[in-house]
Protein backbone atom coordinates (compact mmCIF):
# COMPACT_ATOMS: atom_id res chain seq x y z
CA UNK A 1 19.94 -5.46 -15.91
CA UNK A 2 18.02 -5.34 -12.46
CA UNK A 3 19.45 -7.91 -9.50
CA UNK A 4 17.48 -8.93 -6.85
CA UNK A 5 18.53 -10.25 -3.40
CA UNK A 6 16.72 -12.07 -0.57
CA UNK A 7 18.58 -10.80 2.60
CA UNK A 8 16.55 -12.66 5.19
CA UNK A 9 13.96 -15.25 4.77
CA UNK A 10 12.79 -15.88 7.89
CA UNK A 11 9.57 -15.03 10.02
CA UNK A 12 9.12 -14.36 13.78
CA UNK A 13 12.39 -15.19 14.74
CA UNK A 14 15.74 -15.62 13.21
CA UNK A 15 17.38 -18.78 12.96
CA UNK A 16 21.33 -19.59 12.83
CA UNK A 17 21.41 -19.84 9.06
CA UNK A 18 17.88 -17.48 8.65
CA UNK A 19 17.85 -14.02 8.93
CA UNK A 20 14.72 -11.98 9.41
CA UNK A 21 12.94 -10.62 6.26
CA UNK A 22 14.34 -8.20 3.97
CA UNK A 23 15.07 -7.74 0.28
CA UNK A 24 16.86 -6.02 -1.97
CA UNK A 25 16.85 -4.76 -5.63
CA UNK A 26 19.53 -2.98 -7.73
CA UNK A 27 19.31 -0.94 -10.97
CA UNK A 28 21.67 1.36 -12.33
CA UNK A 29 23.77 0.71 -9.33
CA UNK A 30 21.27 2.27 -6.90
CA UNK A 31 19.45 0.17 -4.51
CA UNK A 32 15.77 0.00 -2.82
CA UNK A 33 15.13 -2.54 0.30
CA UNK A 34 11.99 -3.83 1.23
CA UNK A 35 11.72 -4.28 4.90
CA UNK A 36 14.38 -4.66 7.20
CA UNK A 37 14.41 -7.28 9.79
CA UNK A 38 16.95 -8.27 12.39
CA UNK A 39 20.34 -9.13 10.32
CA UNK A 40 19.45 -7.27 7.57
CA UNK A 41 22.79 -5.31 7.38
CA UNK A 42 24.92 -8.80 8.53
CA UNK A 43 23.29 -10.67 5.44
CA UNK A 44 24.10 -7.48 2.84
CA UNK A 45 27.71 -7.33 4.15
CA UNK A 46 28.24 -11.04 3.49
CA UNK A 47 26.59 -10.56 0.15
CA UNK A 48 28.81 -7.51 -0.29
CA UNK A 49 26.83 -5.56 -2.62
CA UNK A 50 27.75 -2.40 -0.68
CA UNK A 51 25.45 0.07 1.50
CA UNK A 52 26.17 3.78 0.37
CA UNK A 53 23.60 3.60 -2.61
CA UNK A 54 20.79 2.33 -0.56
CA UNK A 55 18.35 4.96 -1.65
CA UNK A 56 14.87 3.75 -0.45
CA UNK A 57 14.29 1.69 2.30
CA UNK A 58 9.99 0.52 2.05
CA UNK A 59 8.05 -1.38 5.05
CA UNK A 60 5.63 -3.65 4.71
CA UNK A 61 4.35 -3.10 7.88
CA UNK A 62 5.71 -2.49 11.77
CA UNK A 63 5.96 -6.28 13.41
CA UNK A 64 9.11 -6.64 14.15
CA UNK A 65 10.50 -9.24 12.21
CA UNK A 66 10.27 -6.70 9.42
CA UNK A 67 11.88 -3.46 10.94
CA UNK A 68 13.98 -4.12 13.99
CA UNK A 69 17.18 -4.38 11.95
CA UNK A 70 16.63 -0.53 10.66
CA UNK A 71 18.53 0.89 13.49
CA UNK A 72 21.85 -0.78 12.43
CA UNK A 73 21.40 -0.54 9.18
CA UNK A 74 21.09 3.03 9.15
CA UNK A 75 24.39 3.32 10.89
CA UNK A 76 26.05 0.86 8.61
CA UNK A 77 24.83 3.57 5.30
CA UNK A 78 25.79 6.62 7.10
CA UNK A 79 29.50 4.86 7.92
CA UNK A 80 29.66 4.27 4.15
CA UNK A 81 30.15 7.86 3.58
CA UNK A 82 26.74 8.55 2.33
CA UNK A 83 25.63 12.31 2.51
CA UNK A 84 22.20 12.03 0.31
CA UNK A 85 18.66 11.58 2.04
CA UNK A 86 17.33 8.17 2.37
CA UNK A 87 13.59 7.99 1.61
CA UNK A 88 11.30 5.85 3.94
CA UNK A 89 8.51 4.39 2.57
CA UNK A 90 5.69 2.55 4.77
CA UNK A 91 2.44 2.74 6.44
CA UNK A 92 1.14 5.60 8.75
CA UNK A 93 2.94 6.15 11.80
CA UNK A 94 6.20 5.51 9.84
CA UNK A 95 7.90 8.81 11.54
CA UNK A 96 7.32 7.81 14.91
CA UNK A 97 8.22 4.26 14.71
CA UNK A 98 11.49 5.07 13.03
CA UNK A 99 12.47 7.84 15.33
CA UNK A 100 11.41 5.49 18.41
CA UNK A 101 13.81 3.18 17.07
CA UNK A 102 16.67 5.52 16.18
CA UNK A 103 16.99 6.78 19.66
CA UNK A 104 20.11 4.47 19.38
CA UNK A 105 21.08 5.58 15.89
CA UNK A 106 20.94 9.40 16.42
CA UNK A 107 23.62 11.88 14.50
CA UNK A 108 23.09 10.25 11.06
CA UNK A 109 24.95 12.35 8.30
CA UNK A 110 21.97 12.45 6.05
CA UNK A 111 18.11 13.21 6.31
CA UNK A 112 15.20 10.65 6.43
CA UNK A 113 12.74 11.36 4.38
CA UNK A 114 9.21 9.95 5.32
CA UNK A 115 6.76 9.12 3.07
CA UNK A 116 3.39 7.54 4.83
CA UNK A 117 1.00 5.72 3.13
CA UNK A 118 -2.32 6.31 4.16
CA UNK A 119 -3.54 5.06 1.30
CA UNK A 120 -1.80 3.03 -1.63
CA UNK A 121 -0.23 5.56 -3.60
CA UNK A 122 2.33 4.98 -6.61
CA UNK A 123 5.79 6.54 -6.02
CA UNK A 124 8.06 7.45 -8.68
CA UNK A 125 11.87 7.34 -7.87
CA UNK A 126 14.81 9.14 -9.71
CA UNK A 127 16.00 6.21 -11.24
CA UNK A 128 12.57 5.31 -13.00
CA UNK A 129 11.17 2.76 -10.85
CA UNK A 130 7.62 3.08 -9.98
CA UNK A 131 6.99 1.37 -6.60
CA UNK A 132 3.23 0.71 -6.17
CA UNK A 133 1.69 -0.25 -3.28
CA UNK A 134 -1.87 -2.48 -2.38
CA UNK A 135 -3.09 -2.67 0.94
CA UNK A 136 -3.46 -6.25 2.35
CA UNK A 137 -4.95 -8.09 5.17
CA UNK A 138 -2.65 -8.73 8.30
CA UNK A 139 -3.30 -7.80 12.13
CA UNK A 140 -2.44 -4.19 11.46
CA UNK A 141 -2.03 -1.72 8.58
CA UNK A 142 0.06 -3.98 5.89
CA UNK A 143 1.22 -3.20 1.82
CA UNK A 144 2.18 -5.29 -0.78
CA UNK A 145 4.54 -3.71 -3.01
CA UNK A 146 5.40 -3.69 -6.75
CA UNK A 147 8.37 -2.45 -8.60
CA UNK A 148 8.16 -1.67 -12.12
CA UNK A 149 10.65 -0.12 -14.52
CA UNK A 150 9.39 0.48 -17.85
CA UNK A 151 11.50 0.47 -21.21
CA UNK A 152 10.99 3.21 -23.77
CA UNK A 153 10.90 1.84 -27.97
CA UNK A 154 13.82 2.06 -29.47
CA UNK A 155 14.64 5.22 -31.96
CA UNK A 156 14.15 5.00 -35.20
CA UNK A 157 16.74 6.68 -37.38
CA UNK A 158 14.67 6.31 -40.43
CA UNK A 159 11.77 8.09 -39.16
CA UNK A 160 14.21 10.72 -37.67
CA UNK A 161 16.18 11.13 -41.04
CA UNK A 162 12.60 11.59 -42.79
CA UNK A 163 11.68 14.48 -40.40
CA UNK A 164 14.67 16.33 -41.85
CA UNK A 165 16.01 17.06 -38.32
CA UNK A 166 19.51 17.94 -37.86
CA UNK A 167 21.00 15.26 -35.60
CA UNK A 168 21.82 17.14 -32.73
CA UNK A 169 17.76 17.23 -31.97
CA UNK A 170 17.67 13.34 -31.79
CA UNK A 171 18.92 13.09 -28.69
CA UNK A 172 16.27 15.47 -27.03
CA UNK A 173 13.67 13.79 -28.61
CA UNK A 174 15.01 10.15 -27.34
CA UNK A 175 14.98 11.90 -23.89
CA UNK A 176 11.08 12.31 -24.14
CA UNK A 177 11.35 16.60 -24.75
CA UNK A 178 9.86 18.45 -27.74
CA UNK A 179 12.03 19.95 -29.98
CA UNK A 180 10.80 23.57 -32.30
CA UNK A 181 12.80 23.84 -35.41
CA UNK A 182 12.17 26.41 -38.32
CA UNK A 183 8.70 27.40 -37.00
CA UNK A 184 7.92 23.39 -36.67
CA UNK A 185 7.34 21.14 -33.55
CA UNK A 186 8.91 17.46 -32.99
CA UNK A 187 7.68 15.39 -30.85
CA UNK A 188 9.40 12.46 -29.29
CA UNK A 189 6.55 9.90 -30.69
CA UNK A 190 7.59 10.76 -33.90
CA UNK A 191 10.73 8.95 -33.68
CA UNK A 192 10.65 6.61 -31.08
CA UNK A 193 9.08 2.86 -31.40
CA UNK A 194 6.64 1.29 -29.09
CA UNK A 195 7.79 0.76 -25.38
CA UNK A 196 9.54 -2.49 -25.25
CA UNK A 197 9.25 -5.04 -22.49
CA UNK A 198 10.46 -3.70 -18.90
CA UNK A 199 10.56 -5.29 -15.57
CA UNK A 200 8.21 -6.09 -12.75
CA UNK A 201 9.06 -7.07 -9.43
CA UNK A 202 6.34 -8.07 -6.68
CA UNK A 203 6.96 -8.68 -2.82
CA UNK A 204 3.93 -9.66 -0.64
CA UNK A 205 4.31 -10.98 2.66
CA UNK A 206 2.25 -11.30 5.90
CA UNK A 207 -1.05 -11.18 4.84
CA UNK A 208 -3.85 -13.51 4.06
CA UNK A 209 -4.58 -13.87 0.33
CA UNK A 210 -7.20 -10.94 -0.96
CA UNK A 211 -8.95 -10.67 -4.15
CA UNK A 212 -7.11 -7.49 -5.37
CA UNK A 213 -3.49 -9.36 -5.10
CA UNK A 214 -3.89 -11.47 -8.40
CA UNK A 215 -4.39 -7.92 -10.80
CA UNK A 216 -2.02 -6.20 -8.45
CA UNK A 217 1.04 -8.83 -9.34
CA UNK A 218 -0.37 -9.77 -12.78
CA UNK A 219 2.46 -10.61 -15.49
CA UNK A 220 5.37 -9.67 -13.05
CA UNK A 221 8.74 -11.49 -13.86
CA UNK A 222 9.54 -12.28 -10.51
CA UNK A 223 6.77 -12.68 -7.43
CA UNK A 224 8.30 -12.98 -3.88
CA UNK A 225 5.69 -14.37 -1.78
CA UNK A 226 5.14 -15.23 1.91
CA UNK A 227 4.44 -19.04 2.52
CA UNK A 228 4.82 -19.22 6.52
CA UNK A 229 3.73 -23.26 6.54
CA UNK A 230 4.20 -25.23 3.98
CA UNK A 231 1.88 -28.10 4.77
CA UNK A 232 -2.32 -27.51 4.21
CA UNK A 233 -2.56 -28.88 7.40
CA UNK A 234 -0.93 -25.76 9.32
CA UNK A 235 -3.88 -23.63 7.22
CA UNK A 236 -5.79 -23.04 10.54
CA UNK A 237 -2.73 -21.40 12.03
CA UNK A 238 -2.31 -19.12 9.17
CA UNK A 239 -5.72 -18.06 9.22
CA UNK A 240 -5.37 -17.18 12.68
CA UNK A 241 -2.14 -15.20 12.42
CA UNK A 242 -3.49 -13.86 8.72
CA UNK A 243 -0.51 -15.64 6.81
CA UNK A 244 -0.37 -17.85 3.72
CA UNK A 245 0.73 -21.75 3.12
CA UNK A 246 2.50 -22.58 0.19
CA UNK A 247 -0.39 -23.68 -1.71
CA UNK A 248 -2.26 -20.02 -1.06
CA UNK A 249 1.03 -18.61 -2.65
CA UNK A 250 1.11 -20.70 -5.60
CA UNK A 251 -2.27 -20.14 -6.54
CA UNK A 252 -1.91 -16.49 -6.74
CA UNK A 253 1.02 -17.01 -9.02
CA UNK A 254 -0.89 -19.37 -11.29
CA UNK A 255 -3.63 -17.09 -11.61
CA UNK A 256 -1.61 -13.77 -11.85
CA UNK A 257 1.07 -15.62 -14.49
CA UNK A 258 4.22 -14.60 -13.07
CA UNK A 259 7.07 -15.58 -14.44
CA UNK A 260 8.54 -17.31 -11.20
CA UNK A 261 7.59 -17.38 -7.73
CA UNK A 262 10.18 -17.30 -4.51
CA UNK A 263 8.10 -18.44 -1.47
CA UNK A 264 10.09 -16.62 1.38
CA UNK A 265 8.96 -15.69 5.25
CA UNK A 266 8.99 -19.09 6.77
CA UNK A 267 7.96 -19.90 10.36
CA UNK A 268 10.70 -21.28 12.62
CA UNK A 269 8.63 -24.49 12.72
CA UNK A 270 9.67 -24.83 9.41
CA UNK A 271 13.27 -25.58 8.88
CA UNK A 272 13.40 -27.34 5.97
CA UNK A 273 11.08 -25.42 3.45
CA UNK A 274 12.35 -27.62 0.47
CA UNK A 275 10.68 -30.66 1.81
CA UNK A 276 7.59 -28.92 1.20
CA UNK A 277 8.05 -27.49 -2.07
CA UNK A 278 6.55 -30.13 -4.43
CA UNK A 279 3.05 -28.42 -2.71
CA UNK A 280 3.32 -25.43 -4.33
CA UNK A 281 4.87 -26.74 -7.89
CA UNK A 282 2.04 -28.84 -8.15
CA UNK A 283 -0.23 -25.90 -8.16
CA UNK A 284 2.79 -23.19 -9.97
CA UNK A 285 5.64 -25.03 -11.41
CA UNK A 286 7.90 -22.61 -11.63
CA UNK A 287 8.04 -21.88 -7.89
CA UNK A 288 11.46 -21.84 -5.87
CA UNK A 289 12.16 -21.34 -2.23
CA UNK A 290 14.03 -18.66 -1.05
CA UNK A 291 17.13 -18.56 1.33
CA UNK A 292 19.11 -16.16 2.45
CA UNK A 293 21.20 -14.21 -0.25
CA UNK A 294 19.47 -16.01 -3.22
CA UNK A 295 19.92 -13.66 -5.97
CA UNK A 296 19.13 -13.33 -9.67
CA UNK A 297 19.94 -10.90 -12.43
CA UNK A 298 17.25 -9.88 -15.14
CA UNK A 299 18.23 -8.82 -18.14
CA UNK A 300 16.18 -6.91 -20.76
CA UNK A 301 14.41 -8.70 -23.68
CA UNK A 302 15.85 -7.43 -27.08
């Protein structure tokens, strides 16, 4: 099972009921945060999912509404009793920006590991999650993220039995390792079925639509995308500041054939995103407006 929660859905400045951009993904008891705007730790406290198991924090870019909540979050993670390193992923200059912010968050009880994205890269975590990145179009270096969890095929008991391999070796093959027994070499694919459908979660905010986005988020179970303005009448402003309106996010979702679209990163001038939701739904029906602490739990298909 994969849990996803929006911790903040605001852009530029927080509102009384809307913190700034942040999302949390939880899998096998471990957590990844993407963006860390003001109010992130408050929202996470309200959600009740805990701080100690946050292993990775990713940043799309370094505008304040996406990173200003970091010092407080790191301090709270430290106060939770964590001593294992925390990995930070973001554009070039990440270490400098974080070290400046952490002047007010010194003496953390864990190491910070920096992964600066000079160009888009694929990162693999210990929990079997791959984190892919795509450079997008904003006023500074900015990345979209895709989190994917592959799923192995089922173990074929009949195939293992027909091989004549003793049962103690079966678990070794299940893990993907090779076994040598009585002069023969046995490989995992001999007893494992075809890979089953896993999960794919895409997150994109603060960008104009770029051509590569469609293929990048293709087939995502959930696509979380900015919609800073609801009405196409605000397209000029979206173009000026390199953002997207609802209809543009929905068009990407439709072309990419995603399962579901959550809109986020709303302008302070958009107090009621739901009143414009119909604009997106006319293009991509399974669109929903995000709100702080909106969450879902995805189940593996059988």
